[in-house]
Amino acid sequence: MLCFFKVLFIYIFINIININLLKSLPIILPILLAVAFFTVFERKVLAAMQRRRGPNVVGIYGLLQAIADAIKLLSKETLIPGSSNLYIFIFSPIFTFLISMLCWSLIPFDYGIVISDINLGILFLFAFSSLGVYGIIMSGWASNSKYSFLGSLRSSAQFISYEISMGLLLVPIILISESFNISYIVLSQLDIFYFITFFPFFILFLITALAETNRVPFDLPEAESELVSGYNVEYSSIGFTFFFLAEYSNIILMSSVIVILFLGGWLPFFSLLELTGSFYFSIKLLFIMFFFVWVRATLPRYRYDQLMFLG
């Protein structure tokens, strides 16, 4: 079994190099910074909605709180359970993090500003992002903990269930745009954004995105009241950091996909405003990210049977 995963690791590493991971490096650092400041943004918004103070000590208005949290996490001792499967336990968070980073190579921030503008981009994006659940399954199994294993089982069932609905919701977008190319899907919205013509699909896609990213009210794989922390309960220091970065990177990635499919990507709201496409993309992205935080501050967690029934 261990030899199989060693071979699998080498195969994945070689293929990562083949799909131009080195070309993705210029985008990885901005994404990591975006994840860091998204955590501060989330805590500030939650504090405002709950009428309390958020981070306000480290840096101006608490903006450097994410840097302090990163230093704290990386300086902690790395603990590995004695009964865990060592190689898979270490490999799982790295695999999950790499998958979340590689998907960003397909996201166009403006016309022509994309690392890999391939014709089957939307299929590759969802096929590759679905591999992230394997890292969660491996971490839950390798931890040799009941809480971790239950969390990974929940996550796998949840991912599979809601990926079906997400795939079906993509069908009308692909049929109307007549292309699998992500940039061409954006350009097909020059006349009207798809969230207007496909508004019910837009709402359903938002709900599915919440379930796919394990966000409230669908955060059952990490239910603190039942499973302590779910699949990452045995991880600390750098291992937990990788899972944390992958989770929040996937949230921003899914928000970007929603912007591309339904909100016109980099296309402007009004043709009278002469601003860059990346500016419009960022404004729309912030709006969807705010929606994710808003839902977290508002809705309670579902029961697991209710989650599966809804799917």
Protein backbone atom coordinates (compact mmCIF):
# COMPACT_ATOMS: atom_id res chain seq x y z
CA MET A 1 0.00 0.00 0.00
CA LEU A 2 2.77 2.42 0.92
CA CYS A 3 4.66 1.60 -2.29
CA PHE A 4 1.50 2.38 -4.27
CA PHE A 5 1.20 5.83 -2.70
CA LYS A 6 4.91 6.50 -3.25
CA VAL A 7 4.49 5.72 -6.95
CA LEU A 8 1.30 7.80 -7.02
CA PHE A 9 3.11 10.74 -5.43
CA ILE A 10 5.91 10.59 -8.03
CA TYR A 11 3.37 10.33 -10.87
CA ILE A 12 1.38 13.31 -9.59
CA PHE A 13 4.56 15.35 -9.12
CA ILE A 14 5.72 14.67 -12.69
CA ASN A 15 2.31 15.61 -14.08
CA ILE A 16 2.25 18.79 -12.00
CA ILE A 17 5.50 19.86 -13.66
CA ASN A 18 4.03 18.98 -17.06
CA ILE A 19 1.05 21.31 -16.59
CA ASN A 20 3.36 24.23 -15.92
CA LEU A 21 3.39 24.60 -12.16
CA LEU A 22 6.38 26.90 -12.56
CA LYS A 23 4.28 29.23 -14.71
CA SER A 24 1.70 29.28 -11.91
CA LEU A 25 4.19 30.62 -9.36
CA PRO A 26 3.47 34.32 -10.11
CA ILE A 27 -0.16 33.74 -9.19
CA ILE A 28 0.39 31.54 -6.11
CA LEU A 29 1.79 34.33 -3.90
CA PRO A 30 -1.12 36.74 -4.61
CA ILE A 31 -3.59 33.91 -3.92
CA LEU A 32 -1.92 33.14 -0.58
CA LEU A 33 -2.06 36.84 0.33
CA ALA A 34 -5.72 36.94 -0.73
CA VAL A 35 -6.45 33.95 1.51
CA ALA A 36 -4.67 35.63 4.43
CA PHE A 37 -6.60 38.88 4.12
CA PHE A 38 -9.87 37.06 3.40
CA THR A 39 -9.65 35.57 6.90
CA VAL A 40 -9.32 39.11 8.33
CA PHE A 41 -12.18 40.30 6.10
CA GLU A 42 -14.35 37.41 7.31
CA ARG A 43 -13.66 38.09 10.99
CA LYS A 44 -14.32 41.83 10.54
CA VAL A 45 -17.65 41.21 8.77
CA LEU A 46 -18.74 38.61 11.33
CA ALA A 47 -17.85 41.02 14.15
CA ALA A 48 -19.88 43.83 12.53
CA MET A 49 -22.90 41.54 12.04
CA GLN A 50 -22.71 40.33 15.65
CA ARG A 51 -22.16 43.84 17.08
CA ARG A 52 -18.72 43.20 18.54
CA ARG A 53 -15.10 44.10 17.81
CA GLY A 54 -13.12 42.01 15.40
CA PRO A 55 -9.30 41.90 15.10
CA ASN A 56 -8.10 45.39 16.04
CA VAL A 57 -4.73 45.00 17.77
CA VAL A 58 -2.13 43.71 15.28
CA GLY A 59 -1.44 46.40 12.69
CA ILE A 60 -3.72 49.24 11.57
CA TYR A 61 -7.35 48.20 12.20
CA GLY A 62 -6.08 44.65 12.79
CA LEU A 63 -5.09 44.14 9.13
CA LEU A 64 -1.90 42.26 10.06
CA GLN A 65 -3.75 39.71 12.20
CA ALA A 66 -3.42 37.12 9.41
CA ILE A 67 0.38 37.48 9.44
CA ALA A 68 0.46 36.97 13.20
CA ASP A 69 -1.77 33.88 12.89
CA ALA A 70 0.51 32.44 10.18
CA ILE A 71 3.61 32.94 12.34
CA LYS A 72 1.86 31.32 15.29
CA LEU A 73 0.75 28.28 13.25
CA LEU A 74 4.14 27.73 11.61
CA SER A 75 5.99 28.03 14.93
CA LYS A 76 3.90 25.32 16.60
CA GLU A 77 5.23 21.82 17.09
CA THR A 78 4.27 19.29 14.41
CA LEU A 79 2.60 16.35 16.14
CA ILE A 80 2.12 13.04 14.32
CA PRO A 81 -0.06 10.39 16.03
CA GLY A 82 1.84 7.20 16.76
CA SER A 83 -0.90 5.02 15.27
CA SER A 84 -1.17 7.02 12.02
CA ASN A 85 0.02 5.95 8.60
CA LEU A 86 3.02 8.26 8.38
CA TYR A 87 3.48 8.73 4.63
CA ILE A 88 -0.18 9.23 3.78
CA PHE A 89 -0.69 11.41 6.86
CA ILE A 90 2.04 13.79 5.68
CA PHE A 91 1.13 13.62 1.99
CA SER A 92 -2.61 14.37 2.36
CA PRO A 93 -2.46 18.11 3.26
CA ILE A 94 0.25 18.71 0.65
CA PHE A 95 -1.85 17.03 -2.04
CA THR A 96 -4.97 19.00 -1.08
CA PHE A 97 -3.04 22.27 -1.11
CA LEU A 98 -1.42 21.60 -4.51
CA ILE A 99 -4.76 20.74 -6.11
CA SER A 100 -6.31 23.97 -4.81
CA MET A 101 -3.39 26.01 -6.20
CA LEU A 102 -3.26 24.35 -9.63
CA CYS A 103 -6.91 25.12 -10.39
CA TRP A 104 -6.08 28.84 -10.38
CA SER A 105 -4.06 28.45 -13.58
CA LEU A 106 -7.36 28.27 -15.52
CA ILE A 107 -9.03 31.38 -14.08
CA PRO A 108 -9.00 34.45 -16.42
CA PHE A 109 -8.82 37.73 -14.46
CA ASP A 110 -9.07 39.88 -17.60
CA TYR A 111 -9.04 39.37 -21.34
CA GLY A 112 -5.84 37.43 -22.10
CA ILE A 113 -4.68 37.41 -18.46
CA VAL A 114 -4.80 33.65 -17.82
CA ILE A 115 -2.04 31.07 -17.48
CA SER A 116 -3.73 28.17 -19.33
CA ASP A 117 -6.50 29.20 -21.73
CA ILE A 118 -7.42 25.72 -22.99
CA ASN A 119 -10.52 24.84 -25.00
CA LEU A 120 -11.85 22.34 -22.44
CA GLY A 121 -11.07 24.65 -19.52
CA ILE A 122 -14.37 24.35 -17.65
CA LEU A 123 -14.25 20.52 -17.78
CA PHE A 124 -10.62 20.44 -16.66
CA LEU A 125 -11.35 22.89 -13.84
CA PHE A 126 -14.15 20.84 -12.30
CA ALA A 127 -12.45 17.51 -12.94
CA PHE A 128 -9.23 18.67 -11.29
CA SER A 129 -10.94 20.44 -8.37
CA SER A 130 -12.88 17.25 -7.58
CA LEU A 131 -9.55 15.52 -6.80
CA GLY A 132 -9.26 17.60 -3.62
CA VAL A 133 -11.64 15.27 -1.82
CA TYR A 134 -9.07 12.47 -2.11
CA GLY A 135 -6.72 14.40 0.14
CA ILE A 136 -9.50 14.69 2.73
CA ILE A 137 -10.31 10.97 2.51
CA MET A 138 -6.64 10.03 2.85
CA SER A 139 -6.17 12.33 5.85
CA GLY A 140 -9.20 10.88 7.65
CA TRP A 141 -8.09 7.31 7.03
CA ALA A 142 -4.38 7.87 7.75
CA SER A 143 -5.08 9.65 11.06
CA ASN A 144 -6.50 6.40 12.48
CA SER A 145 -9.03 8.43 14.48
CA LYS A 146 -12.77 7.89 14.58
CA TYR A 147 -13.51 11.60 14.42
CA SER A 148 -11.21 12.09 11.42
CA PHE A 149 -12.59 9.05 9.62
CA LEU A 150 -16.22 10.11 10.12
CA GLY A 151 -15.37 13.62 8.89
CA SER A 152 -13.69 12.28 5.74
CA LEU A 153 -16.65 9.96 5.01
CA ARG A 154 -19.07 12.85 5.38
CA SER A 155 -16.94 15.02 3.13
CA SER A 156 -16.69 12.40 0.36
CA ALA A 157 -20.46 11.78 0.37
CA GLN A 158 -21.14 15.52 0.37
CA PHE A 159 -18.71 16.24 -2.47
CA ILE A 160 -20.08 13.48 -4.69
CA SER A 161 -23.71 14.44 -4.06
CA TYR A 162 -23.33 18.14 -4.78
CA GLU A 163 -20.90 17.74 -7.68
CA ILE A 164 -23.75 16.05 -9.56
CA SER A 165 -25.99 19.08 -9.12
CA MET A 166 -23.11 21.42 -10.00
CA GLY A 167 -22.46 19.50 -13.22
CA LEU A 168 -26.13 19.67 -14.19
CA LEU A 169 -26.25 23.41 -13.51
CA LEU A 170 -23.33 23.89 -15.91
CA VAL A 171 -25.23 22.33 -18.83
CA PRO A 172 -27.40 25.35 -19.79
CA ILE A 173 -24.38 27.71 -19.55
CA ILE A 174 -22.35 25.49 -21.88
CA LEU A 175 -25.26 25.07 -24.31
CA ILE A 176 -25.92 28.80 -24.58
CA SER A 177 -22.25 29.84 -24.83
CA GLU A 178 -21.51 26.87 -27.17
CA SER A 179 -18.05 26.46 -25.69
CA PHE A 180 -16.09 24.80 -22.88
CA ASN A 181 -13.50 27.60 -22.97
CA ILE A 182 -13.75 29.73 -19.82
CA SER A 183 -12.75 32.98 -21.54
CA TYR A 184 -15.30 32.42 -24.31
CA ILE A 185 -18.04 31.81 -21.70
CA VAL A 186 -17.26 35.26 -20.30
CA LEU A 187 -17.28 36.88 -23.75
CA SER A 188 -20.66 35.27 -24.53
CA GLN A 189 -22.15 37.51 -21.79
CA LEU A 190 -21.40 40.77 -23.61
CA ASP A 191 -25.11 41.41 -24.22
CA ILE A 192 -26.53 40.20 -20.90
CA PHE A 193 -25.11 38.47 -17.84
CA TYR A 194 -26.26 34.91 -17.28
CA PHE A 195 -27.41 35.55 -13.71
CA ILE A 196 -30.32 37.49 -15.24
CA THR A 197 -31.33 34.90 -17.83
CA PHE A 198 -30.57 31.93 -15.56
CA PHE A 199 -31.46 33.40 -12.17
CA PRO A 200 -32.83 30.13 -10.64
CA PHE A 201 -29.66 28.34 -11.74
CA PHE A 202 -27.60 31.15 -10.20
CA ILE A 203 -29.29 30.67 -6.80
CA LEU A 204 -28.91 26.89 -6.97
CA PHE A 205 -25.25 27.23 -7.92
CA LEU A 206 -24.64 29.50 -4.91
CA ILE A 207 -26.18 26.86 -2.61
CA THR A 208 -24.16 24.10 -4.26
CA ALA A 209 -20.97 26.16 -3.91
CA LEU A 210 -21.58 26.45 -0.17
CA ALA A 211 -21.87 22.67 0.08
CA GLU A 212 -18.81 22.05 -2.12
CA THR A 213 -16.60 24.30 0.01
CA ASN A 214 -17.85 22.89 3.35
CA ARG A 215 -19.20 26.25 4.47
CA VAL A 216 -22.02 26.99 6.90
CA PRO A 217 -24.73 25.72 6.85
CA PHE A 218 -23.09 22.69 5.18
CA ASP A 219 -19.91 22.40 7.29
CA LEU A 220 -20.78 18.89 8.49
CA PRO A 221 -17.31 17.38 7.77
CA GLU A 222 -15.83 19.82 10.33
CA ALA A 223 -18.73 19.93 12.79
CA GLU A 224 -17.04 21.08 16.02
CA SER A 225 -19.97 20.05 18.22
CA GLU A 226 -19.93 16.46 16.93
CA LEU A 227 -16.52 15.67 15.35
CA VAL A 228 -14.29 18.22 17.19
CA SER A 229 -12.76 19.38 13.90
CA GLY A 230 -13.45 16.51 11.52
CA TYR A 231 -10.85 15.21 9.10
CA ASN A 232 -8.07 17.59 10.30
CA VAL A 233 -8.48 17.00 14.04
CA GLU A 234 -5.09 15.25 14.32
CA TYR A 235 -3.18 17.90 12.34
CA SER A 236 -1.18 20.78 13.78
CA SER A 237 1.33 23.36 12.61
CA ILE A 238 2.18 23.10 8.88
CA GLY A 239 -0.28 20.26 8.17
CA PHE A 240 -3.23 22.22 9.54
CA THR A 241 -1.97 25.32 7.70
CA PHE A 242 -2.04 23.47 4.37
CA PHE A 243 -5.63 22.33 4.94
CA PHE A 244 -6.63 25.82 6.04
CA LEU A 245 -5.06 27.45 2.99
CA ALA A 246 -6.64 24.89 0.66
CA GLU A 247 -10.11 25.42 2.18
CA TYR A 248 -10.06 29.19 1.87
CA SER A 249 -8.40 29.06 -1.54
CA ASN A 250 -11.26 26.85 -2.72
CA ILE A 251 -13.77 29.38 -1.38
CA ILE A 252 -12.17 32.19 -3.39
CA LEU A 253 -11.84 29.86 -6.40
CA MET A 254 -15.52 28.92 -6.28
CA SER A 255 -16.44 32.60 -5.93
CA SER A 256 -14.35 33.29 -9.05
CA VAL A 257 -16.15 30.51 -10.94
CA ILE A 258 -19.52 32.03 -9.99
CA VAL A 259 -18.32 35.44 -11.21
CA ILE A 260 -17.18 33.91 -14.52
CA LEU A 261 -20.25 31.78 -15.18
CA PHE A 262 -23.02 34.17 -14.09
CA LEU A 263 -21.67 37.70 -13.49
CA GLY A 264 -19.71 38.29 -16.68
CA GLY A 265 -16.20 37.87 -15.32
CA TRP A 266 -14.13 40.94 -16.21
CA LEU A 267 -16.91 42.55 -18.29
CA PRO A 268 -18.04 45.97 -16.99
CA PHE A 269 -21.43 46.72 -15.45
CA PHE A 270 -21.80 49.86 -17.55
CA SER A 271 -19.91 50.69 -20.71
CA LEU A 272 -19.63 54.33 -19.57
CA LEU A 273 -17.05 53.47 -16.89
CA GLU A 274 -13.56 53.13 -18.40
CA LEU A 275 -11.84 50.85 -15.88
CA THR A 276 -9.72 47.73 -16.22
CA GLY A 277 -11.42 44.34 -16.47
CA SER A 278 -9.54 43.03 -13.44
CA PHE A 279 -11.11 45.83 -11.37
CA TYR A 280 -14.63 44.71 -12.29
CA PHE A 281 -13.64 41.10 -11.65
CA SER A 282 -12.35 42.01 -8.16
CA ILE A 283 -15.50 43.96 -7.25
CA LYS A 284 -17.75 41.05 -8.26
CA LEU A 285 -15.48 38.59 -6.45
CA LEU A 286 -15.66 40.62 -3.22
CA PHE A 287 -19.45 40.62 -3.47
CA ILE A 288 -19.63 36.81 -3.70
CA MET A 289 -17.06 36.40 -0.90
CA PHE A 290 -19.17 38.72 1.25
CA PHE A 291 -22.16 36.45 0.53
CA PHE A 292 -20.21 33.44 1.88
CA VAL A 293 -19.45 35.31 5.11
CA TRP A 294 -23.00 36.66 5.36
CA VAL A 295 -24.43 33.14 5.20
CA ARG A 296 -22.02 31.99 7.92
CA ALA A 297 -23.20 34.77 10.24
CA THR A 298 -26.88 34.10 9.57
CA LEU A 299 -27.75 30.42 9.18
CA PRO A 300 -27.42 27.50 11.62
CA ARG A 301 -25.87 24.17 10.65
CA TYR A 302 -28.02 21.49 9.01
CA ARG A 303 -28.35 17.98 10.35
CA TYR A 304 -26.45 15.52 8.17
CA ASP A 305 -29.57 13.69 6.97
CA GLN A 306 -31.11 17.06 6.04
CA LEU A 307 -27.98 17.94 4.06
CA MET A 308 -28.13 14.71 2.03
CA PHE A 309 -31.90 15.03 1.54
CA LEU A 310 -31.46 18.57 0.21
CA GLY A 311 -28.83 17.30 -2.24
